[in-house]
Amino acid sequence: MKEMKELTSLNMIEDFVQENPMSFLYVSRQECSVCHAVLPRVRELLDHFPDIRLGHIDTNAVPEVAAAYSIFTVPVLLYFIEGQEVLRKARFIHFEELAEQIEKIYGLNQ
C-alpha cells in the first residue's frame, strides 16, 4: 500500500505540494465513514504511480485547509503537478474514472 505522510499544518501541506513534483492530497475527517472506506482504495490505486507522493490531512487537526483549498466536503482528493492543482475529486469517488484520469495526467508528465 502507498506510503502516506501525515500533514499537520498548513505550512506542511504547502511545503509537501511544492517539494514533490507530483503530489496527491487526501483530505478527510476522523468521524467520516466514507473517508475511512475510500482511503485504502486511494492508497492501493496510487501504488501504480510511483512518482506520486501521498499526503493526508485531517480537517480536525488542520481546519484552515478548508479555506486555503476551497474544501466544502470530505473526502477530497487533490492531485498536484509542480505545485498546480490538476485534478480534484470529492465525496463519492468513481475509482475507474479516477484511475483513467490519473493515468492520462501521469503519462503526460513522465
PDB file of N, CA and C in Angstrom:
ATOM      1  N   MET A   1       0.838  -1.179   0.000  1.00  0.00           N
ATOM      2  CA  MET A   1       0.000   0.000   0.000  1.00  0.00           C
ATOM      3  C   MET A   1       0.889   1.252   0.000  1.00  0.00           C
ATOM      4  N   LYS A   2       0.464   2.270  -0.704  1.00  0.00           N
ATOM      5  CA  LYS A   2       1.223   3.503  -0.861  1.00  0.00           C
ATOM      6  C   LYS A   2       1.562   4.137   0.485  1.00  0.00           C
ATOM      7  N   GLU A   3       2.831   4.536   0.623  1.00  0.00           N
ATOM      8  CA  GLU A   3       3.256   5.255   1.817  1.00  0.00           C
ATOM      9  C   GLU A   3       2.538   6.599   1.862  1.00  0.00           C
ATOM     10  N   MET A   4       2.186   7.032   3.066  1.00  0.00           N
ATOM     11  CA  MET A   4       1.409   8.252   3.216  1.00  0.00           C
ATOM     12  C   MET A   4       2.019   9.103   4.329  1.00  0.00           C
ATOM     13  N   LYS A   5       2.159  10.393   4.053  1.00  0.00           N
ATOM     14  CA  LYS A   5       2.705  11.313   5.049  1.00  0.00           C
ATOM     15  C   LYS A   5       1.567  12.108   5.687  1.00  0.00           C
ATOM     16  N   GLU A   6       1.537  12.132   7.011  1.00  0.00           N
ATOM     17  CA  GLU A   6       0.547  12.926   7.738  1.00  0.00           C
ATOM     18  C   GLU A   6       0.998  14.381   7.721  1.00  0.00           C
ATOM     19  N   LEU A   7       0.119  15.250   7.269  1.00  0.00           N
ATOM     20  CA  LEU A   7       0.421  16.674   7.194  1.00  0.00           C
ATOM     21  C   LEU A   7      -0.437  17.382   8.244  1.00  0.00           C
ATOM     22  N   THR A   8       0.214  18.006   9.221  1.00  0.00           N
ATOM     23  CA  THR A   8      -0.495  18.501  10.392  1.00  0.00           C
ATOM     24  C   THR A   8      -0.528  20.030  10.513  1.00  0.00           C
ATOM     25  N   SER A   9      -0.127  20.725   9.464  1.00  0.00           N
ATOM     26  CA  SER A   9      -0.231  22.180   9.464  1.00  0.00           C
ATOM     27  C   SER A   9      -0.327  22.666   8.023  1.00  0.00           C
ATOM     28  N   LEU A  10      -0.816  23.871   7.857  1.00  0.00           N
ATOM     29  CA  LEU A  10      -0.922  24.444   6.517  1.00  0.00           C
ATOM     30  C   LEU A  10       0.458  24.606   5.894  1.00  0.00           C
ATOM     31  N   ASN A  11       1.457  24.960   6.693  1.00  0.00           N
ATOM     32  CA  ASN A  11       2.829  25.073   6.169  1.00  0.00           C
ATOM     33  C   ASN A  11       3.346  23.733   5.672  1.00  0.00           C
ATOM     34  N   MET A  12       3.072  22.670   6.423  1.00  0.00           N
ATOM     35  CA  MET A  12       3.497  21.330   5.984  1.00  0.00           C
ATOM     36  C   MET A  12       2.833  20.953   4.662  1.00  0.00           C
ATOM     37  N   ILE A  13       1.553  21.297   4.521  1.00  0.00           N
ATOM     38  CA  ILE A  13       0.827  20.982   3.289  1.00  0.00           C
ATOM     39  C   ILE A  13       1.449  21.724   2.116  1.00  0.00           C
ATOM     40  N   GLU A  14       1.650  23.017   2.283  1.00  0.00           N
ATOM     41  CA  GLU A  14       2.222  23.829   1.211  1.00  0.00           C
ATOM     42  C   GLU A  14       3.621  23.361   0.842  1.00  0.00           C
ATOM     43  N   ASP A  15       4.439  23.034   1.838  1.00  0.00           N
ATOM     44  CA  ASP A  15       5.794  22.520   1.574  1.00  0.00           C
ATOM     45  C   ASP A  15       5.731  21.194   0.828  1.00  0.00           C
ATOM     46  N   PHE A  16       4.836  20.307   1.244  1.00  0.00           N
ATOM     47  CA  PHE A  16       4.687  18.998   0.611  1.00  0.00           C
ATOM     48  C   PHE A  16       4.348  19.158  -0.875  1.00  0.00           C
ATOM     49  N   VAL A  17       3.403  20.036  -1.181  1.00  0.00           N
ATOM     50  CA  VAL A  17       2.977  20.259  -2.568  1.00  0.00           C
ATOM     51  C   VAL A  17       4.115  20.872  -3.386  1.00  0.00           C
ATOM     52  N   GLN A  18       4.865  21.795  -2.791  1.00  0.00           N
ATOM     53  CA  GLN A  18       5.947  22.458  -3.521  1.00  0.00           C
ATOM     54  C   GLN A  18       7.184  21.571  -3.685  1.00  0.00           C
ATOM     55  N   GLU A  19       7.481  20.741  -2.709  1.00  0.00           N
ATOM     56  CA  GLU A  19       8.695  19.918  -2.731  1.00  0.00           C
ATOM     57  C   GLU A  19       8.567  18.663  -3.587  1.00  0.00           C
ATOM     58  N   ASN A  20       7.352  18.221  -3.858  1.00  0.00           N
ATOM     59  CA  ASN A  20       7.146  16.999  -4.639  1.00  0.00           C
ATOM     60  C   ASN A  20       6.590  17.361  -6.006  1.00  0.00           C
ATOM     61  N   PRO A  21       7.300  17.001  -7.080  1.00  0.00           N
ATOM     62  CA  PRO A  21       6.814  17.327  -8.429  1.00  0.00           C
ATOM     63  C   PRO A  21       5.408  16.798  -8.694  1.00  0.00           C
ATOM     64  N   MET A  22       5.073  15.639  -8.141  1.00  0.00           N
ATOM     65  CA  MET A  22       3.727  15.074  -8.241  1.00  0.00           C
ATOM     66  C   MET A  22       3.262  14.733  -6.829  1.00  0.00           C
ATOM     67  N   SER A  23       2.241  15.445  -6.379  1.00  0.00           N
ATOM     68  CA  SER A  23       1.736  15.196  -5.033  1.00  0.00           C
ATOM     69  C   SER A  23       0.223  15.013  -5.081  1.00  0.00           C
ATOM     70  N   PHE A  24      -0.246  14.231  -4.145  1.00  0.00           N
ATOM     71  CA  PHE A  24      -1.653  13.887  -4.058  1.00  0.00           C
ATOM     72  C   PHE A  24      -2.062  14.082  -2.613  1.00  0.00           C
ATOM     73  N   LEU A  25      -3.048  14.931  -2.373  1.00  0.00           N
ATOM     74  CA  LEU A  25      -3.521  15.167  -1.014  1.00  0.00           C
ATOM     75  C   LEU A  25      -4.856  14.459  -0.798  1.00  0.00           C
ATOM     76  N   TYR A  26      -4.945  13.772   0.316  1.00  0.00           N
ATOM     77  CA  TYR A  26      -6.193  13.130   0.722  1.00  0.00           C
ATOM     78  C   TYR A  26      -6.670  13.862   1.962  1.00  0.00           C
ATOM     79  N   VAL A  27      -7.789  14.569   1.837  1.00  0.00           N
ATOM     80  CA  VAL A  27      -8.325  15.369   2.927  1.00  0.00           C
ATOM     81  C   VAL A  27      -9.550  14.654   3.483  1.00  0.00           C
ATOM     82  N   SER A  28      -9.519  14.404   4.787  1.00  0.00           N
ATOM     83  CA  SER A  28     -10.611  13.660   5.409  1.00  0.00           C
ATOM     84  C   SER A  28     -10.899  14.208   6.795  1.00  0.00           C
ATOM     85  N   ARG A  29     -11.816  13.554   7.459  1.00  0.00           N
ATOM     86  CA  ARG A  29     -12.178  13.903   8.827  1.00  0.00           C
ATOM     87  C   ARG A  29     -12.289  12.610   9.620  1.00  0.00           C
ATOM     88  N   GLN A  30     -11.880  12.649  10.844  1.00  0.00           N
ATOM     89  CA  GLN A  30     -11.858  11.469  11.704  1.00  0.00           C
ATOM     90  C   GLN A  30     -13.212  10.748  11.762  1.00  0.00           C
ATOM     91  N   GLU A  31     -14.314  11.495  11.854  1.00  0.00           N
ATOM     92  CA  GLU A  31     -15.636  10.893  12.040  1.00  0.00           C
ATOM     93  C   GLU A  31     -16.377  10.612  10.731  1.00  0.00           C
ATOM     94  N   CYS A  32     -15.684  10.640   9.611  1.00  0.00           N
ATOM     95  CA  CYS A  32     -16.294  10.427   8.295  1.00  0.00           C
ATOM     96  C   CYS A  32     -16.131   8.957   7.864  1.00  0.00           C
ATOM     97  N   SER A  33     -17.231   8.224   7.818  1.00  0.00           N
ATOM     98  CA  SER A  33     -17.150   6.803   7.455  1.00  0.00           C
ATOM     99  C   SER A  33     -16.776   6.621   5.984  1.00  0.00           C
ATOM    100  N   VAL A  34     -17.244   7.506   5.117  1.00  0.00           N
ATOM    101  CA  VAL A  34     -16.867   7.425   3.701  1.00  0.00           C
ATOM    102  C   VAL A  34     -15.353   7.597   3.569  1.00  0.00           C
ATOM    103  N   CYS A  35     -14.794   8.537   4.322  1.00  0.00           N
ATOM    104  CA  CYS A  35     -13.343   8.787   4.288  1.00  0.00           C
ATOM    105  C   CYS A  35     -12.557   7.526   4.626  1.00  0.00           C
ATOM    106  N   HIS A  36     -13.004   6.817   5.653  1.00  0.00           N
ATOM    107  CA  HIS A  36     -12.305   5.598   6.082  1.00  0.00           C
ATOM    108  C   HIS A  36     -12.409   4.499   5.027  1.00  0.00           C
ATOM    109  N   ALA A  37     -13.506   4.460   4.293  1.00  0.00           N
ATOM    110  CA  ALA A  37     -13.681   3.446   3.254  1.00  0.00           C
ATOM    111  C   ALA A  37     -12.869   3.767   2.004  1.00  0.00           C
ATOM    112  N   VAL A  38     -12.730   5.045   1.675  1.00  0.00           N
ATOM    113  CA  VAL A  38     -12.065   5.464   0.442  1.00  0.00           C
ATOM    114  C   VAL A  38     -10.540   5.416   0.560  1.00  0.00           C
ATOM    115  N   LEU A  39     -10.001   5.762   1.718  1.00  0.00           N
ATOM    116  CA  LEU A  39      -8.544   5.863   1.873  1.00  0.00           C
ATOM    117  C   LEU A  39      -7.773   4.615   1.445  1.00  0.00           C
ATOM    118  N   PRO A  40      -8.127   3.413   1.875  1.00  0.00           N
ATOM    119  CA  PRO A  40      -7.357   2.238   1.435  1.00  0.00           C
ATOM    120  C   PRO A  40      -7.388   2.053  -0.084  1.00  0.00           C
ATOM    121  N   ARG A  41      -8.495   2.394  -0.714  1.00  0.00           N
ATOM    122  CA  ARG A  41      -8.597   2.260  -2.173  1.00  0.00           C
ATOM    123  C   ARG A  41      -7.709   3.282  -2.876  1.00  0.00           C
ATOM    124  N   VAL A  42      -7.628   4.480  -2.320  1.00  0.00           N
ATOM    125  CA  VAL A  42      -6.748   5.511  -2.886  1.00  0.00           C
ATOM    126  C   VAL A  42      -5.299   5.055  -2.765  1.00  0.00           C
ATOM    127  N   ARG A  43      -4.921   4.557  -1.615  1.00  0.00           N
ATOM    128  CA  ARG A  43      -3.541   4.106  -1.410  1.00  0.00           C
ATOM    129  C   ARG A  43      -3.201   2.953  -2.360  1.00  0.00           C
ATOM    130  N   GLU A  44      -4.130   2.053  -2.546  1.00  0.00           N
ATOM    131  CA  GLU A  44      -3.929   0.929  -3.465  1.00  0.00           C
ATOM    132  C   GLU A  44      -3.789   1.427  -4.911  1.00  0.00           C
ATOM    133  N   LEU A  45      -4.653   2.351  -5.312  1.00  0.00           N
ATOM    134  CA  LEU A  45      -4.595   2.910  -6.662  1.00  0.00           C
ATOM    135  C   LEU A  45      -3.261   3.611  -6.912  1.00  0.00           C
ATOM    136  N   LEU A  46      -2.818   4.400  -5.953  1.00  0.00           N
ATOM    137  CA  LEU A  46      -1.589   5.170  -6.138  1.00  0.00           C
ATOM    138  C   LEU A  46      -0.332   4.314  -6.119  1.00  0.00           C
ATOM    139  N   ASP A  47      -0.443   3.071  -5.694  1.00  0.00           N
ATOM    140  CA  ASP A  47       0.688   2.134  -5.792  1.00  0.00           C
ATOM    141  C   ASP A  47       1.163   1.999  -7.239  1.00  0.00           C
ATOM    142  N   HIS A  48       0.272   2.206  -8.191  1.00  0.00           N
ATOM    143  CA  HIS A  48       0.602   2.065  -9.603  1.00  0.00           C
ATOM    144  C   HIS A  48       1.319   3.289 -10.167  1.00  0.00           C
ATOM    145  N   PHE A  49       1.481   4.318  -9.349  1.00  0.00           N
ATOM    146  CA  PHE A  49       2.096   5.570  -9.795  1.00  0.00           C
ATOM    147  C   PHE A  49       3.212   5.941  -8.817  1.00  0.00           C
ATOM    148  N   PRO A  50       4.402   5.356  -9.016  1.00  0.00           N
ATOM    149  CA  PRO A  50       5.479   5.500  -8.029  1.00  0.00           C
ATOM    150  C   PRO A  50       5.983   6.929  -7.833  1.00  0.00           C
ATOM    151  N   ASP A  51       5.806   7.809  -8.803  1.00  0.00           N
ATOM    152  CA  ASP A  51       6.318   9.171  -8.668  1.00  0.00           C
ATOM    153  C   ASP A  51       5.382  10.103  -7.913  1.00  0.00           C
ATOM    154  N   ILE A  52       4.174   9.643  -7.637  1.00  0.00           N
ATOM    155  CA  ILE A  52       3.218  10.479  -6.901  1.00  0.00           C
ATOM    156  C   ILE A  52       3.414  10.256  -5.406  1.00  0.00           C
ATOM    157  N   ARG A  53       3.591  11.340  -4.669  1.00  0.00           N
ATOM    158  CA  ARG A  53       3.704  11.283  -3.207  1.00  0.00           C
ATOM    159  C   ARG A  53       2.333  11.583  -2.605  1.00  0.00           C
ATOM    160  N   LEU A  54       1.956  10.815  -1.601  1.00  0.00           N
ATOM    161  CA  LEU A  54       0.644  10.931  -0.975  1.00  0.00           C
ATOM    162  C   LEU A  54       0.746  11.583   0.397  1.00  0.00           C
ATOM    163  N   GLY A  55      -0.057  12.627   0.587  1.00  0.00           N
ATOM    164  CA  GLY A  55      -0.144  13.281   1.886  1.00  0.00           C
ATOM    165  C   GLY A  55      -1.572  13.213   2.397  1.00  0.00           C
ATOM    166  N   HIS A  56      -1.721  13.107   3.709  1.00  0.00           N
ATOM    167  CA  HIS A  56      -3.041  13.014   4.331  1.00  0.00           C
ATOM    168  C   HIS A  56      -3.240  14.173   5.291  1.00  0.00           C
ATOM    169  N   ILE A  57      -4.413  14.793   5.210  1.00  0.00           N
ATOM    170  CA  ILE A  57      -4.772  15.880   6.101  1.00  0.00           C
ATOM    171  C   ILE A  57      -6.095  15.554   6.775  1.00  0.00           C
ATOM    172  N   ASP A  58      -6.114  15.649   8.093  1.00  0.00           N
ATOM    173  CA  ASP A  58      -7.344  15.518   8.868  1.00  0.00           C
ATOM    174  C   ASP A  58      -7.832  16.940   9.130  1.00  0.00           C
ATOM    175  N   THR A  59      -9.031  17.272   8.647  1.00  0.00           N
ATOM    176  CA  THR A  59      -9.535  18.635   8.796  1.00  0.00           C
ATOM    177  C   THR A  59      -9.760  19.027  10.251  1.00  0.00           C
ATOM    178  N   ASN A  60      -9.885  18.057  11.143  1.00  0.00           N
ATOM    179  CA  ASN A  60      -9.995  18.389  12.567  1.00  0.00           C
ATOM    180  C   ASN A  60      -8.670  18.944  13.088  1.00  0.00           C
ATOM    181  N   ALA A  61      -7.561  18.425  12.579  1.00  0.00           N
ATOM    182  CA  ALA A  61      -6.235  18.865  13.003  1.00  0.00           C
ATOM    183  C   ALA A  61      -5.803  20.145  12.285  1.00  0.00           C
ATOM    184  N   VAL A  62      -6.253  20.321  11.047  1.00  0.00           N
ATOM    185  CA  VAL A  62      -5.863  21.478  10.232  1.00  0.00           C
ATOM    186  C   VAL A  62      -7.127  22.103   9.636  1.00  0.00           C
ATOM    187  N   PRO A  63      -7.950  22.750  10.449  1.00  0.00           N
ATOM    188  CA  PRO A  63      -9.211  23.284   9.936  1.00  0.00           C
ATOM    189  C   PRO A  63      -9.040  24.355   8.863  1.00  0.00           C
ATOM    190  N   GLU A  64      -7.921  25.070   8.878  1.00  0.00           N
ATOM    191  CA  GLU A  64      -7.692  26.128   7.887  1.00  0.00           C
ATOM    192  C   GLU A  64      -7.466  25.590   6.472  1.00  0.00           C
ATOM    193  N   VAL A  65      -7.293  24.269   6.327  1.00  0.00           N
ATOM    194  CA  VAL A  65      -7.137  23.676   4.997  1.00  0.00           C
ATOM    195  C   VAL A  65      -8.399  23.903   4.162  1.00  0.00           C
ATOM    196  N   ALA A  66      -9.550  23.952   4.812  1.00  0.00           N
ATOM    197  CA  ALA A  66     -10.815  24.142   4.091  1.00  0.00           C
ATOM    198  C   ALA A  66     -10.822  25.465   3.335  1.00  0.00           C
ATOM    199  N   ALA A  67     -10.438  26.520   3.989  1.00  0.00           N
ATOM    200  CA  ALA A  67     -10.415  27.837   3.331  1.00  0.00           C
ATOM    201  C   ALA A  67      -9.281  27.926   2.320  1.00  0.00           C
ATOM    202  N   ALA A  68      -8.115  27.406   2.664  1.00  0.00           N
ATOM    203  CA  ALA A  68      -6.942  27.511   1.794  1.00  0.00           C
ATOM    204  C   ALA A  68      -7.130  26.776   0.472  1.00  0.00           C
ATOM    205  N   TYR A  69      -7.875  25.663   0.476  1.00  0.00           N
ATOM    206  CA  TYR A  69      -8.039  24.845  -0.729  1.00  0.00           C
ATOM    207  C   TYR A  69      -9.497  24.725  -1.177  1.00  0.00           C
ATOM    208  N   SER A  70     -10.354  25.610  -0.707  1.00  0.00           N
ATOM    209  CA  SER A  70     -11.777  25.626  -1.088  1.00  0.00           C
ATOM    210  C   SER A  70     -12.425  24.249  -0.946  1.00  0.00           C
ATOM    211  N   ILE A  71     -12.345  23.702   0.241  1.00  0.00           N
ATOM    212  CA  ILE A  71     -12.891  22.377   0.526  1.00  0.00           C
ATOM    213  C   ILE A  71     -14.202  22.542   1.294  1.00  0.00           C
ATOM    214  N   PHE A  72     -15.270  21.958   0.745  1.00  0.00           N
ATOM    215  CA  PHE A  72     -16.595  22.092   1.343  1.00  0.00           C
ATOM    216  C   PHE A  72     -17.155  20.777   1.867  1.00  0.00           C
ATOM    217  N   THR A  73     -16.522  19.667   1.517  1.00  0.00           N
ATOM    218  CA  THR A  73     -16.957  18.353   1.960  1.00  0.00           C
ATOM    219  C   THR A  73     -15.736  17.449   2.023  1.00  0.00           C
ATOM    220  N   VAL A  74     -15.865  16.310   2.641  1.00  0.00           N
ATOM    221  CA  VAL A  74     -14.787  15.316   2.665  1.00  0.00           C
ATOM    222  C   VAL A  74     -15.374  13.962   2.294  1.00  0.00           C
ATOM    223  N   PRO A  75     -14.578  13.043   1.787  1.00  0.00           N
ATOM    224  CA  PRO A  75     -13.174  13.216   1.457  1.00  0.00           C
ATOM    225  C   PRO A  75     -12.979  14.030   0.177  1.00  0.00           C
ATOM    226  N   VAL A  76     -11.807  14.640   0.102  1.00  0.00           N
ATOM    227  CA  VAL A  76     -11.403  15.368  -1.096  1.00  0.00           C
ATOM    228  C   VAL A  76     -10.052  14.837  -1.522  1.00  0.00           C
ATOM    229  N   LEU A  77      -9.913  14.602  -2.818  1.00  0.00           N
ATOM    230  CA  LEU A  77      -8.659  14.144  -3.404  1.00  0.00           C
ATOM    231  C   LEU A  77      -8.145  15.262  -4.301  1.00  0.00           C
ATOM    232  N   LEU A  78      -6.919  15.690  -4.069  1.00  0.00           N
ATOM    233  CA  LEU A  78      -6.319  16.766  -4.854  1.00  0.00           C
ATOM    234  C   LEU A  78      -4.994  16.274  -5.422  1.00  0.00           C
ATOM    235  N   TYR A  79      -4.829  16.385  -6.728  1.00  0.00           N
ATOM    236  CA  TYR A  79      -3.612  15.951  -7.411  1.00  0.00           C
ATOM    237  C   TYR A  79      -2.918  17.199  -7.932  1.00  0.00           C
ATOM    238  N   PHE A  80      -1.624  17.340  -7.597  1.00  0.00           N
ATOM    239  CA  PHE A  80      -0.839  18.497  -8.000  1.00  0.00           C
ATOM    240  C   PHE A  80       0.360  18.073  -8.839  1.00  0.00           C
ATOM    241  N   ILE A  81       0.634  18.847  -9.876  1.00  0.00           N
ATOM    242  CA  ILE A  81       1.850  18.693 -10.667  1.00  0.00           C
ATOM    243  C   ILE A  81       2.600  20.016 -10.566  1.00  0.00           C
ATOM    244  N   GLU A  82       3.839  19.949 -10.103  1.00  0.00           N
ATOM    245  CA  GLU A  82       4.667  21.154  -9.959  1.00  0.00           C
ATOM    246  C   GLU A  82       3.917  22.261  -9.214  1.00  0.00           C
ATOM    247  N   GLY A  83       3.194  21.889  -8.161  1.00  0.00           N
ATOM    248  CA  GLY A  83       2.509  22.852  -7.318  1.00  0.00           C
ATOM    249  C   GLY A  83       1.170  23.355  -7.835  1.00  0.00           C
ATOM    250  N   GLN A  84       0.746  22.884  -9.007  1.00  0.00           N
ATOM    251  CA  GLN A  84      -0.525  23.317  -9.592  1.00  0.00           C
ATOM    252  C   GLN A  84      -1.550  22.186  -9.500  1.00  0.00           C
ATOM    253  N   GLU A  85      -2.740  22.518  -9.021  1.00  0.00           N
ATOM    254  CA  GLU A  85      -3.807  21.516  -8.934  1.00  0.00           C
ATOM    255  C   GLU A  85      -4.257  21.132 -10.335  1.00  0.00           C
ATOM    256  N   VAL A  86      -4.247  19.833 -10.624  1.00  0.00           N
ATOM    257  CA  VAL A  86      -4.650  19.349 -11.945  1.00  0.00           C
ATOM    258  C   VAL A  86      -5.871  18.433 -11.895  1.00  0.00           C
ATOM    259  N   LEU A  87      -6.236  17.979 -10.693  1.00  0.00           N
ATOM    260  CA  LEU A  87      -7.383  17.085 -10.570  1.00  0.00           C
ATOM    261  C   LEU A  87      -7.951  17.208  -9.162  1.00  0.00           C
ATOM    262  N   ARG A  88      -9.289  17.231  -9.096  1.00  0.00           N
ATOM    263  CA  ARG A  88      -9.980  17.310  -7.804  1.00  0.00           C
ATOM    264  C   ARG A  88     -11.189  16.384  -7.856  1.00  0.00           C
ATOM    265  N   LYS A  89     -11.328  15.573  -6.836  1.00  0.00           N
ATOM    266  CA  LYS A  89     -12.496  14.701  -6.673  1.00  0.00           C
ATOM    267  C   LYS A  89     -12.971  14.839  -5.240  1.00  0.00           C
ATOM    268  N   ALA A  90     -14.290  14.776  -5.046  1.00  0.00           N
ATOM    269  CA  ALA A  90     -14.818  14.937  -3.696  1.00  0.00           C
ATOM    270  C   ALA A  90     -15.981  13.984  -3.436  1.00  0.00           C
ATOM    271  N   ARG A  91     -16.115  13.647  -2.183  1.00  0.00           N
ATOM    272  CA  ARG A  91     -17.192  12.846  -1.598  1.00  0.00           C
ATOM    273  C   ARG A  91     -17.274  11.419  -2.148  1.00  0.00           C
ATOM    274  N   PHE A  92     -18.037  11.204  -3.202  1.00  0.00           N
ATOM    275  CA  PHE A  92     -18.174   9.855  -3.758  1.00  0.00           C
ATOM    276  C   PHE A  92     -17.260   9.724  -4.964  1.00  0.00           C
ATOM    277  N   ILE A  93     -16.324   8.800  -4.882  1.00  0.00           N
ATOM    278  CA  ILE A  93     -15.263   8.676  -5.873  1.00  0.00           C
ATOM    279  C   ILE A  93     -15.547   7.485  -6.783  1.00  0.00           C
ATOM    280  N   HIS A  94     -15.516   7.715  -8.087  1.00  0.00           N
ATOM    281  CA  HIS A  94     -15.620   6.642  -9.077  1.00  0.00           C
ATOM    282  C   HIS A  94     -14.187   6.246  -9.430  1.00  0.00           C
ATOM    283  N   PHE A  95     -13.752   5.118  -8.903  1.00  0.00           N
ATOM    284  CA  PHE A  95     -12.343   4.762  -8.987  1.00  0.00           C
ATOM    285  C   PHE A  95     -11.864   4.436 -10.394  1.00  0.00           C
ATOM    286  N   GLU A  96     -12.692   3.863 -11.222  1.00  0.00           N
ATOM    287  CA  GLU A  96     -12.264   3.585 -12.600  1.00  0.00           C
ATOM    288  C   GLU A  96     -11.982   4.891 -13.337  1.00  0.00           C
ATOM    289  N   GLU A  97     -12.885   5.841 -13.178  1.00  0.00           N
ATOM    290  CA  GLU A  97     -12.720   7.153 -13.811  1.00  0.00           C
ATOM    291  C   GLU A  97     -11.489   7.869 -13.237  1.00  0.00           C
ATOM    292  N   LEU A  98     -11.327   7.806 -11.927  1.00  0.00           N
ATOM    293  CA  LEU A  98     -10.173   8.423 -11.276  1.00  0.00           C
ATOM    294  C   LEU A  98      -8.872   7.823 -11.791  1.00  0.00           C
ATOM    295  N   ALA A  99      -8.811   6.513 -11.898  1.00  0.00           N
ATOM    296  CA  ALA A  99      -7.610   5.834 -12.386  1.00  0.00           C
ATOM    297  C   ALA A  99      -7.278   6.273 -13.813  1.00  0.00           C
ATOM    298  N   GLU A 100      -8.281   6.370 -14.663  1.00  0.00           N
ATOM    299  CA  GLU A 100      -8.057   6.802 -16.047  1.00  0.00           C
ATOM    300  C   GLU A 100      -7.531   8.230 -16.095  1.00  0.00           C
ATOM    301  N   GLN A 101      -8.101   9.101 -15.294  1.00  0.00           N
ATOM    302  CA  GLN A 101      -7.667  10.497 -15.288  1.00  0.00           C
ATOM    303  C   GLN A 101      -6.241  10.636 -14.771  1.00  0.00           C
ATOM    304  N   ILE A 102      -5.921   9.932 -13.703  1.00  0.00           N
ATOM    305  CA  ILE A 102      -4.554   9.980 -13.167  1.00  0.00           C
ATOM    306  C   ILE A 102      -3.578   9.432 -14.195  1.00  0.00           C
ATOM    307  N   GLU A 103      -3.935   8.330 -14.834  1.00  0.00           N
ATOM    308  CA  GLU A 103      -3.060   7.706 -15.847  1.00  0.00           C
ATOM    309  C   GLU A 103      -2.739   8.691 -16.965  1.00  0.00           C
ATOM    310  N   LYS A 104      -3.746   9.411 -17.455  1.00  0.00           N
ATOM    311  CA  LYS A 104      -3.531  10.390 -18.523  1.00  0.00           C
ATOM    312  C   LYS A 104      -2.582  11.501 -18.075  1.00  0.00           C
ATOM    313  N   ILE A 105      -2.864  12.071 -16.922  1.00  0.00           N
ATOM    314  CA  ILE A 105      -2.042  13.178 -16.426  1.00  0.00           C
ATOM    315  C   ILE A 105      -0.634  12.700 -16.102  1.00  0.00           C
ATOM    316  N   TYR A 106      -0.528  11.561 -15.466  1.00  0.00           N
ATOM    317  CA  TYR A 106       0.755  10.990 -15.064  1.00  0.00           C
ATOM    318  C   TYR A 106       1.617  10.715 -16.304  1.00  0.00           C
ATOM    319  N   GLY A 107       0.982  10.132 -17.318  1.00  0.00           N
ATOM    320  CA  GLY A 107       1.695   9.808 -18.555  1.00  0.00           C
ATOM    321  C   GLY A 107       2.239  11.034 -19.264  1.00  0.00           C
ATOM    322  N   LEU A 108       1.525  12.136 -19.192  1.00  0.00           N
ATOM    323  CA  LEU A 108       1.964  13.372 -19.828  1.00  0.00           C
ATOM    324  C   LEU A 108       3.143  14.003 -19.119  1.00  0.00           C
ATOM    325  N   ASN A 109       3.351  13.626 -17.878  1.00  0.00           N
ATOM    326  CA  ASN A 109       4.396  14.261 -17.072  1.00  0.00           C
ATOM    327  C   ASN A 109       5.580  13.348 -16.785  1.00  0.00           C
ATOM    328  N   GLN A 110       5.748  12.309 -17.567  1.00  0.00           N
ATOM    329  CA  GLN A 110       6.868  11.388 -17.403  1.00  0.00           C
ATOM    330  C   GLN A 110       8.026  11.758 -18.295  1.00  0.00           C
TER     331      GLN A 110
END
